[in-house]
Amino acid sequence: MLGINRDKCLLLSGRVSSEILIKAARSNIPVVVSRAAPTQLAVELSNQLGVTVIGFARGLQLSIYSHAERIFP
């Protein structure tokens, strides 16, 4: 059950909060993508918890806030 969601991502339209990030980490979801910005605490936690956070995802543009190696190996 450890790797059950490792091939999933969480897509959001709103801000990535620390609470959402913690839920994604507990569910073993490695990537969180949003059209909005993450909070500073969410970015700090994402580095500690190993979750890739992507914000401002619009069209072909996005901003990667943590663990970019998961997106561009």
PDB file of N, CA and C in Angstrom:
ATOM      1  N   MET A   1       0.814  -1.197   0.000  1.00  0.00           N
ATOM      2  CA  MET A   1       0.000   0.000   0.000  1.00  0.00           C
ATOM      3  C   MET A   1       0.853   1.255   0.000  1.00  0.00           C
ATOM      4  N   LEU A   2       2.142   1.116   0.218  1.00  0.00           N
ATOM      5  CA  LEU A   2       3.029   2.268   0.292  1.00  0.00           C
ATOM      6  C   LEU A   2       3.040   3.071  -0.992  1.00  0.00           C
ATOM      7  N   GLY A   3       3.083   2.443  -2.161  1.00  0.00           N
ATOM      8  CA  GLY A   3       3.182   3.162  -3.420  1.00  0.00           C
ATOM      9  C   GLY A   3       1.873   3.269  -4.176  1.00  0.00           C
ATOM     10  N   ILE A   4       0.757   3.181  -3.484  1.00  0.00           N
ATOM     11  CA  ILE A   4      -0.540   3.089  -4.148  1.00  0.00           C
ATOM     12  C   ILE A   4      -0.867   4.309  -5.006  1.00  0.00           C
ATOM     13  N   ASN A   5      -0.481   5.508  -4.622  1.00  0.00           N
ATOM     14  CA  ASN A   5      -0.821   6.710  -5.379  1.00  0.00           C
ATOM     15  C   ASN A   5       0.391   7.387  -5.996  1.00  0.00           C
ATOM     16  N   ARG A   6       1.523   6.715  -6.070  1.00  0.00           N
ATOM     17  CA  ARG A   6       2.748   7.339  -6.559  1.00  0.00           C
ATOM     18  C   ARG A   6       2.677   7.732  -8.028  1.00  0.00           C
ATOM     19  N   ASP A   7       1.701   7.244  -8.781  1.00  0.00           N
ATOM     20  CA  ASP A   7       1.560   7.617 -10.184  1.00  0.00           C
ATOM     21  C   ASP A   7       0.438   8.637 -10.394  1.00  0.00           C
ATOM     22  N   LYS A   8       0.006   9.291  -9.336  1.00  0.00           N
ATOM     23  CA  LYS A   8      -1.083  10.264  -9.385  1.00  0.00           C
ATOM     24  C   LYS A   8      -0.557  11.679  -9.158  1.00  0.00           C
ATOM     25  N   CYS A   9      -1.388  12.671  -9.498  1.00  0.00           N
ATOM     26  CA  CYS A   9      -1.111  14.055  -9.119  1.00  0.00           C
ATOM     27  C   CYS A   9      -2.428  14.679  -8.672  1.00  0.00           C
ATOM     28  N   LEU A  10      -2.311  15.701  -7.867  1.00  0.00           N
ATOM     29  CA  LEU A  10      -3.475  16.411  -7.361  1.00  0.00           C
ATOM     30  C   LEU A  10      -3.564  17.742  -8.095  1.00  0.00           C
ATOM     31  N   LEU A  11      -4.688  17.998  -8.767  1.00  0.00           N
ATOM     32  CA  LEU A  11      -4.893  19.228  -9.523  1.00  0.00           C
ATOM     33  C   LEU A  11      -5.853  20.133  -8.769  1.00  0.00           C
ATOM     34  N   LEU A  12      -5.452  21.390  -8.607  1.00  0.00           N
ATOM     35  CA  LEU A  12      -6.257  22.358  -7.864  1.00  0.00           C
ATOM     36  C   LEU A  12      -6.460  23.622  -8.688  1.00  0.00           C
ATOM     37  N   SER A  13      -7.542  24.314  -8.434  1.00  0.00           N
ATOM     38  CA  SER A  13      -7.741  25.607  -9.075  1.00  0.00           C
ATOM     39  C   SER A  13      -7.401  26.743  -8.117  1.00  0.00           C
ATOM     40  N   GLY A  14      -7.399  26.462  -6.826  1.00  0.00           N
ATOM     41  CA  GLY A  14      -7.115  27.478  -5.827  1.00  0.00           C
ATOM     42  C   GLY A  14      -5.711  27.363  -5.271  1.00  0.00           C
ATOM     43  N   ARG A  15      -5.463  28.107  -4.247  1.00  0.00           N
ATOM     44  CA  ARG A  15      -4.153  28.156  -3.617  1.00  0.00           C
ATOM     45  C   ARG A  15      -3.781  26.829  -2.967  1.00  0.00           C
ATOM     46  N   VAL A  16      -2.499  26.472  -3.023  1.00  0.00           N
ATOM     47  CA  VAL A  16      -2.022  25.248  -2.365  1.00  0.00           C
ATOM     48  C   VAL A  16      -1.686  25.620  -0.922  1.00  0.00           C
ATOM     49  N   SER A  17      -2.479  25.130   0.011  1.00  0.00           N
ATOM     50  CA  SER A  17      -2.249  25.418   1.430  1.00  0.00           C
ATOM     51  C   SER A  17      -1.427  24.304   2.056  1.00  0.00           C
ATOM     52  N   SER A  18      -0.924  24.566   3.242  1.00  0.00           N
ATOM     53  CA  SER A  18      -0.157  23.544   3.958  1.00  0.00           C
ATOM     54  C   SER A  18      -1.034  22.340   4.279  1.00  0.00           C
ATOM     55  N   GLU A  19      -2.309  22.576   4.559  1.00  0.00           N
ATOM     56  CA  GLU A  19      -3.217  21.481   4.879  1.00  0.00           C
ATOM     57  C   GLU A  19      -3.412  20.550   3.679  1.00  0.00           C
ATOM     58  N   ILE A  20      -3.586  21.128   2.507  1.00  0.00           N
ATOM     59  CA  ILE A  20      -3.732  20.325   1.286  1.00  0.00           C
ATOM     60  C   ILE A  20      -2.449  19.545   1.025  1.00  0.00           C
ATOM     61  N   LEU A  21      -1.314  20.203   1.205  1.00  0.00           N
ATOM     62  CA  LEU A  21      -0.036  19.549   0.951  1.00  0.00           C
ATOM     63  C   LEU A  21       0.170  18.365   1.899  1.00  0.00           C
ATOM     64  N   ILE A  22      -0.163  18.517   3.151  1.00  0.00           N
ATOM     65  CA  ILE A  22      -0.027  17.429   4.122  1.00  0.00           C
ATOM     66  C   ILE A  22      -0.932  16.257   3.739  1.00  0.00           C
ATOM     67  N   LYS A  23      -2.151  16.546   3.306  1.00  0.00           N
ATOM     68  CA  LYS A  23      -3.059  15.472   2.874  1.00  0.00           C
ATOM     69  C   LYS A  23      -2.508  14.743   1.662  1.00  0.00           C
ATOM     70  N   ALA A  24      -1.921  15.477   0.724  1.00  0.00           N
ATOM     71  CA  ALA A  24      -1.321  14.846  -0.457  1.00  0.00           C
ATOM     72  C   ALA A  24      -0.156  13.950  -0.035  1.00  0.00           C
ATOM     73  N   ALA A  25       0.686  14.429   0.863  1.00  0.00           N
ATOM     74  CA  ALA A  25       1.831  13.639   1.330  1.00  0.00           C
ATOM     75  C   ALA A  25       1.367  12.376   2.046  1.00  0.00           C
ATOM     76  N   ARG A  26       0.361  12.489   2.890  1.00  0.00           N
ATOM     77  CA  ARG A  26      -0.159  11.321   3.607  1.00  0.00           C
ATOM     78  C   ARG A  26      -0.790  10.302   2.659  1.00  0.00           C
ATOM     79  N   SER A  27      -1.285  10.782   1.523  1.00  0.00           N
ATOM     80  CA  SER A  27      -1.898   9.901   0.523  1.00  0.00           C
ATOM     81  C   SER A  27      -0.895   9.412  -0.506  1.00  0.00           C
ATOM     82  N   ASN A  28       0.380   9.732  -0.292  1.00  0.00           N
ATOM     83  CA  ASN A  28       1.464   9.346  -1.210  1.00  0.00           C
ATOM     84  C   ASN A  28       1.284   9.908  -2.622  1.00  0.00           C
ATOM     85  N   ILE A  29       0.700  11.087  -2.732  1.00  0.00           N
ATOM     86  CA  ILE A  29       0.568  11.764  -4.019  1.00  0.00           C
ATOM     87  C   ILE A  29       1.802  12.652  -4.188  1.00  0.00           C
ATOM     88  N   PRO A  30       2.639  12.373  -5.182  1.00  0.00           N
ATOM     89  CA  PRO A  30       3.938  13.046  -5.275  1.00  0.00           C
ATOM     90  C   PRO A  30       3.927  14.440  -5.896  1.00  0.00           C
ATOM     91  N   VAL A  31       2.864  14.802  -6.639  1.00  0.00           N
ATOM     92  CA  VAL A  31       2.845  16.084  -7.347  1.00  0.00           C
ATOM     93  C   VAL A  31       1.523  16.798  -7.089  1.00  0.00           C
ATOM     94  N   VAL A  32       1.617  18.089  -6.725  1.00  0.00           N
ATOM     95  CA  VAL A  32       0.443  18.938  -6.540  1.00  0.00           C
ATOM     96  C   VAL A  32       0.570  20.095  -7.529  1.00  0.00           C
ATOM     97  N   VAL A  33      -0.447  20.265  -8.373  1.00  0.00           N
ATOM     98  CA  VAL A  33      -0.443  21.293  -9.409  1.00  0.00           C
ATOM     99  C   VAL A  33      -1.639  22.215  -9.195  1.00  0.00           C
ATOM    100  N   SER A  34      -1.391  23.531  -9.298  1.00  0.00           N
ATOM    101  CA  SER A  34      -2.472  24.492  -9.121  1.00  0.00           C
ATOM    102  C   SER A  34      -2.354  25.628 -10.126  1.00  0.00           C
ATOM    103  N   ARG A  35      -3.478  26.238 -10.418  1.00  0.00           N
ATOM    104  CA  ARG A  35      -3.488  27.440 -11.250  1.00  0.00           C
ATOM    105  C   ARG A  35      -3.065  28.657 -10.434  1.00  0.00           C
ATOM    106  N   ALA A  36      -3.103  28.546  -9.113  1.00  0.00           N
ATOM    107  CA  ALA A  36      -2.764  29.658  -8.223  1.00  0.00           C
ATOM    108  C   ALA A  36      -1.416  29.392  -7.551  1.00  0.00           C
ATOM    109  N   ALA A  37      -1.015  30.305  -6.692  1.00  0.00           N
ATOM    110  CA  ALA A  37       0.264  30.194  -5.989  1.00  0.00           C
ATOM    111  C   ALA A  37       0.137  29.331  -4.736  1.00  0.00           C
ATOM    112  N   PRO A  38       1.216  28.665  -4.353  1.00  0.00           N
ATOM    113  CA  PRO A  38       1.216  27.963  -3.067  1.00  0.00           C
ATOM    114  C   PRO A  38       1.542  28.952  -1.951  1.00  0.00           C
ATOM    115  N   THR A  39       1.140  28.614  -0.736  1.00  0.00           N
ATOM    116  CA  THR A  39       1.558  29.442   0.398  1.00  0.00           C
ATOM    117  C   THR A  39       3.030  29.157   0.696  1.00  0.00           C
ATOM    118  N   GLN A  40       3.675  30.074   1.403  1.00  0.00           N
ATOM    119  CA  GLN A  40       5.082  29.885   1.765  1.00  0.00           C
ATOM    120  C   GLN A  40       5.256  28.635   2.623  1.00  0.00           C
ATOM    121  N   LEU A  41       4.335  28.412   3.553  1.00  0.00           N
ATOM    122  CA  LEU A  41       4.414  27.228   4.408  1.00  0.00           C
ATOM    123  C   LEU A  41       4.262  25.951   3.585  1.00  0.00           C
ATOM    124  N   ALA A  42       3.413  25.962   2.582  1.00  0.00           N
ATOM    125  CA  ALA A  42       3.246  24.780   1.722  1.00  0.00           C
ATOM    126  C   ALA A  42       4.546  24.470   0.983  1.00  0.00           C
ATOM    127  N   VAL A  43       5.234  25.487   0.506  1.00  0.00           N
ATOM    128  CA  VAL A  43       6.514  25.277  -0.184  1.00  0.00           C
ATOM    129  C   VAL A  43       7.549  24.712   0.779  1.00  0.00           C
ATOM    130  N   GLU A  44       7.626  25.258   1.982  1.00  0.00           N
ATOM    131  CA  GLU A  44       8.576  24.761   2.984  1.00  0.00           C
ATOM    132  C   GLU A  44       8.285  23.298   3.325  1.00  0.00           C
ATOM    133  N   LEU A  45       7.016  22.972   3.533  1.00  0.00           N
ATOM    134  CA  LEU A  45       6.635  21.597   3.851  1.00  0.00           C
ATOM    135  C   LEU A  45       6.893  20.651   2.684  1.00  0.00           C
ATOM    136  N   SER A  46       6.675  21.143   1.463  1.00  0.00           N
ATOM    137  CA  SER A  46       6.882  20.284   0.294  1.00  0.00           C
ATOM    138  C   SER A  46       8.331  19.839   0.184  1.00  0.00           C
ATOM    139  N   ASN A  47       9.248  20.710   0.539  1.00  0.00           N
ATOM    140  CA  ASN A  47      10.665  20.333   0.533  1.00  0.00           C
ATOM    141  C   ASN A  47      10.954  19.262   1.581  1.00  0.00           C
ATOM    142  N   GLN A  48      10.340  19.373   2.741  1.00  0.00           N
ATOM    143  CA  GLN A  48      10.547  18.398   3.818  1.00  0.00           C
ATOM    144  C   GLN A  48       9.859  17.065   3.539  1.00  0.00           C
ATOM    145  N   LEU A  49       8.679  17.120   2.910  1.00  0.00           N
ATOM    146  CA  LEU A  49       7.863  15.923   2.715  1.00  0.00           C
ATOM    147  C   LEU A  49       8.090  15.237   1.365  1.00  0.00           C
ATOM    148  N   GLY A  50       8.864  15.850   0.503  1.00  0.00           N
ATOM    149  CA  GLY A  50       9.173  15.234  -0.781  1.00  0.00           C
ATOM    150  C   GLY A  50       8.068  15.326  -1.812  1.00  0.00           C
ATOM    151  N   VAL A  51       7.236  16.363  -1.728  1.00  0.00           N
ATOM    152  CA  VAL A  51       6.146  16.556  -2.674  1.00  0.00           C
ATOM    153  C   VAL A  51       6.540  17.678  -3.645  1.00  0.00           C
ATOM    154  N   THR A  52       6.341  17.452  -4.931  1.00  0.00           N
ATOM    155  CA  THR A  52       6.586  18.484  -5.933  1.00  0.00           C
ATOM    156  C   THR A  52       5.387  19.420  -5.972  1.00  0.00           C
ATOM    157  N   VAL A  53       5.647  20.728  -5.861  1.00  0.00           N
ATOM    158  CA  VAL A  53       4.582  21.723  -5.921  1.00  0.00           C
ATOM    159  C   VAL A  53       4.772  22.582  -7.164  1.00  0.00           C
ATOM    160  N   ILE A  54       3.707  22.665  -7.955  1.00  0.00           N
ATOM    161  CA  ILE A  54       3.698  23.473  -9.167  1.00  0.00           C
ATOM    162  C   ILE A  54       2.551  24.460  -9.053  1.00  0.00           C
ATOM    163  N   GLY A  55       2.856  25.738  -9.296  1.00  0.00           N
ATOM    164  CA  GLY A  55       1.838  26.775  -9.237  1.00  0.00           C
ATOM    165  C   GLY A  55       1.777  27.552 -10.542  1.00  0.00           C
ATOM    166  N   PHE A  56       0.770  28.388 -10.657  1.00  0.00           N
ATOM    167  CA  PHE A  56       0.562  29.227 -11.834  1.00  0.00           C
ATOM    168  C   PHE A  56       0.566  28.406 -13.121  1.00  0.00           C
ATOM    169  N   ALA A  57      -0.033  27.212 -13.079  1.00  0.00           N
ATOM    170  CA  ALA A  57      -0.095  26.334 -14.248  1.00  0.00           C
ATOM    171  C   ALA A  57      -1.203  26.819 -15.171  1.00  0.00           C
ATOM    172  N   ARG A  58      -0.772  27.449 -16.261  1.00  0.00           N
ATOM    173  CA  ARG A  58      -1.723  28.008 -17.224  1.00  0.00           C
ATOM    174  C   ARG A  58      -1.168  27.806 -18.623  1.00  0.00           C
ATOM    175  N   GLY A  59      -1.882  27.070 -19.425  1.00  0.00           N
ATOM    176  CA  GLY A  59      -1.416  26.801 -20.780  1.00  0.00           C
ATOM    177  C   GLY A  59      -0.116  26.018 -20.741  1.00  0.00           C
ATOM    178  N   LEU A  60       0.892  26.518 -21.415  1.00  0.00           N
ATOM    179  CA  LEU A  60       2.196  25.848 -21.441  1.00  0.00           C
ATOM    180  C   LEU A  60       3.169  26.407 -20.405  1.00  0.00           C
ATOM    181  N   GLN A  61       2.708  27.309 -19.541  1.00  0.00           N
ATOM    182  CA  GLN A  61       3.582  27.907 -18.534  1.00  0.00           C
ATOM    183  C   GLN A  61       3.221  27.413 -17.143  1.00  0.00           C
ATOM    184  N   LEU A  62       4.247  27.303 -16.296  1.00  0.00           N
ATOM    185  CA  LEU A  62       4.056  26.919 -14.898  1.00  0.00           C
ATOM    186  C   LEU A  62       5.301  27.297 -14.107  1.00  0.00           C
ATOM    187  N   SER A  63       5.152  27.309 -12.799  1.00  0.00           N
ATOM    188  CA  SER A  63       6.278  27.578 -11.898  1.00  0.00           C
ATOM    189  C   SER A  63       6.439  26.378 -10.977  1.00  0.00           C
ATOM    190  N   ILE A  64       7.656  25.831 -10.935  1.00  0.00           N
ATOM    191  CA  ILE A  64       7.937  24.685 -10.078  1.00  0.00           C
ATOM    192  C   ILE A  64       8.601  25.207  -8.813  1.00  0.00           C
ATOM    193  N   TYR A  65       8.030  24.897  -7.650  1.00  0.00           N
ATOM    194  CA  TYR A  65       8.517  25.418  -6.382  1.00  0.00           C
ATOM    195  C   TYR A  65       9.382  24.425  -5.615  1.00  0.00           C
ATOM    196  N   SER A  66       9.251  23.145  -5.880  1.00  0.00           N
ATOM    197  CA  SER A  66      10.061  22.164  -5.148  1.00  0.00           C
ATOM    198  C   SER A  66      10.183  20.877  -5.954  1.00  0.00           C
ATOM    199  N   HIS A  67      11.280  20.210  -5.774  1.00  0.00           N
ATOM    200  CA  HIS A  67      11.555  18.892  -6.375  1.00  0.00           C
ATOM    201  C   HIS A  67      11.321  18.874  -7.893  1.00  0.00           C
ATOM    202  N   ALA A  68      11.951  19.819  -8.581  1.00  0.00           N
ATOM    203  CA  ALA A  68      11.843  19.906 -10.042  1.00  0.00           C
ATOM    204  C   ALA A  68      12.410  18.674 -10.733  1.00  0.00           C
ATOM    205  N   GLU A  69      13.289  17.934 -10.048  1.00  0.00           N
ATOM    206  CA  GLU A  69      13.882  16.739 -10.656  1.00  0.00           C
ATOM    207  C   GLU A  69      12.826  15.689 -10.991  1.00  0.00           C
ATOM    208  N   ARG A  70      11.681  15.763 -10.350  1.00  0.00           N
ATOM    209  CA  ARG A  70      10.597  14.824 -10.648  1.00  0.00           C
ATOM    210  C   ARG A  70       9.970  15.168 -11.994  1.00  0.00           C
ATOM    211  N   ILE A  71       9.986  16.427 -12.371  1.00  0.00           N
ATOM    212  CA  ILE A  71       9.372  16.883 -13.610  1.00  0.00           C
ATOM    213  C   ILE A  71      10.397  16.831 -14.751  1.00  0.00           C
ATOM    214  N   PHE A  72      11.628  17.243 -14.477  1.00  0.00           N
ATOM    215  CA  PHE A  72      12.700  17.269 -15.465  1.00  0.00           C
ATOM    216  C   PHE A  72      13.848  16.398 -14.975  1.00  0.00           C
ATOM    217  N   PRO A  73      13.735  15.061 -15.156  1.00  0.00           N
ATOM    218  CA  PRO A  73      14.794  14.166 -14.643  1.00  0.00           C
ATOM    219  C   PRO A  73      16.115  14.302 -15.386  1.00  0.00           C
TER     220      PRO A  73
END
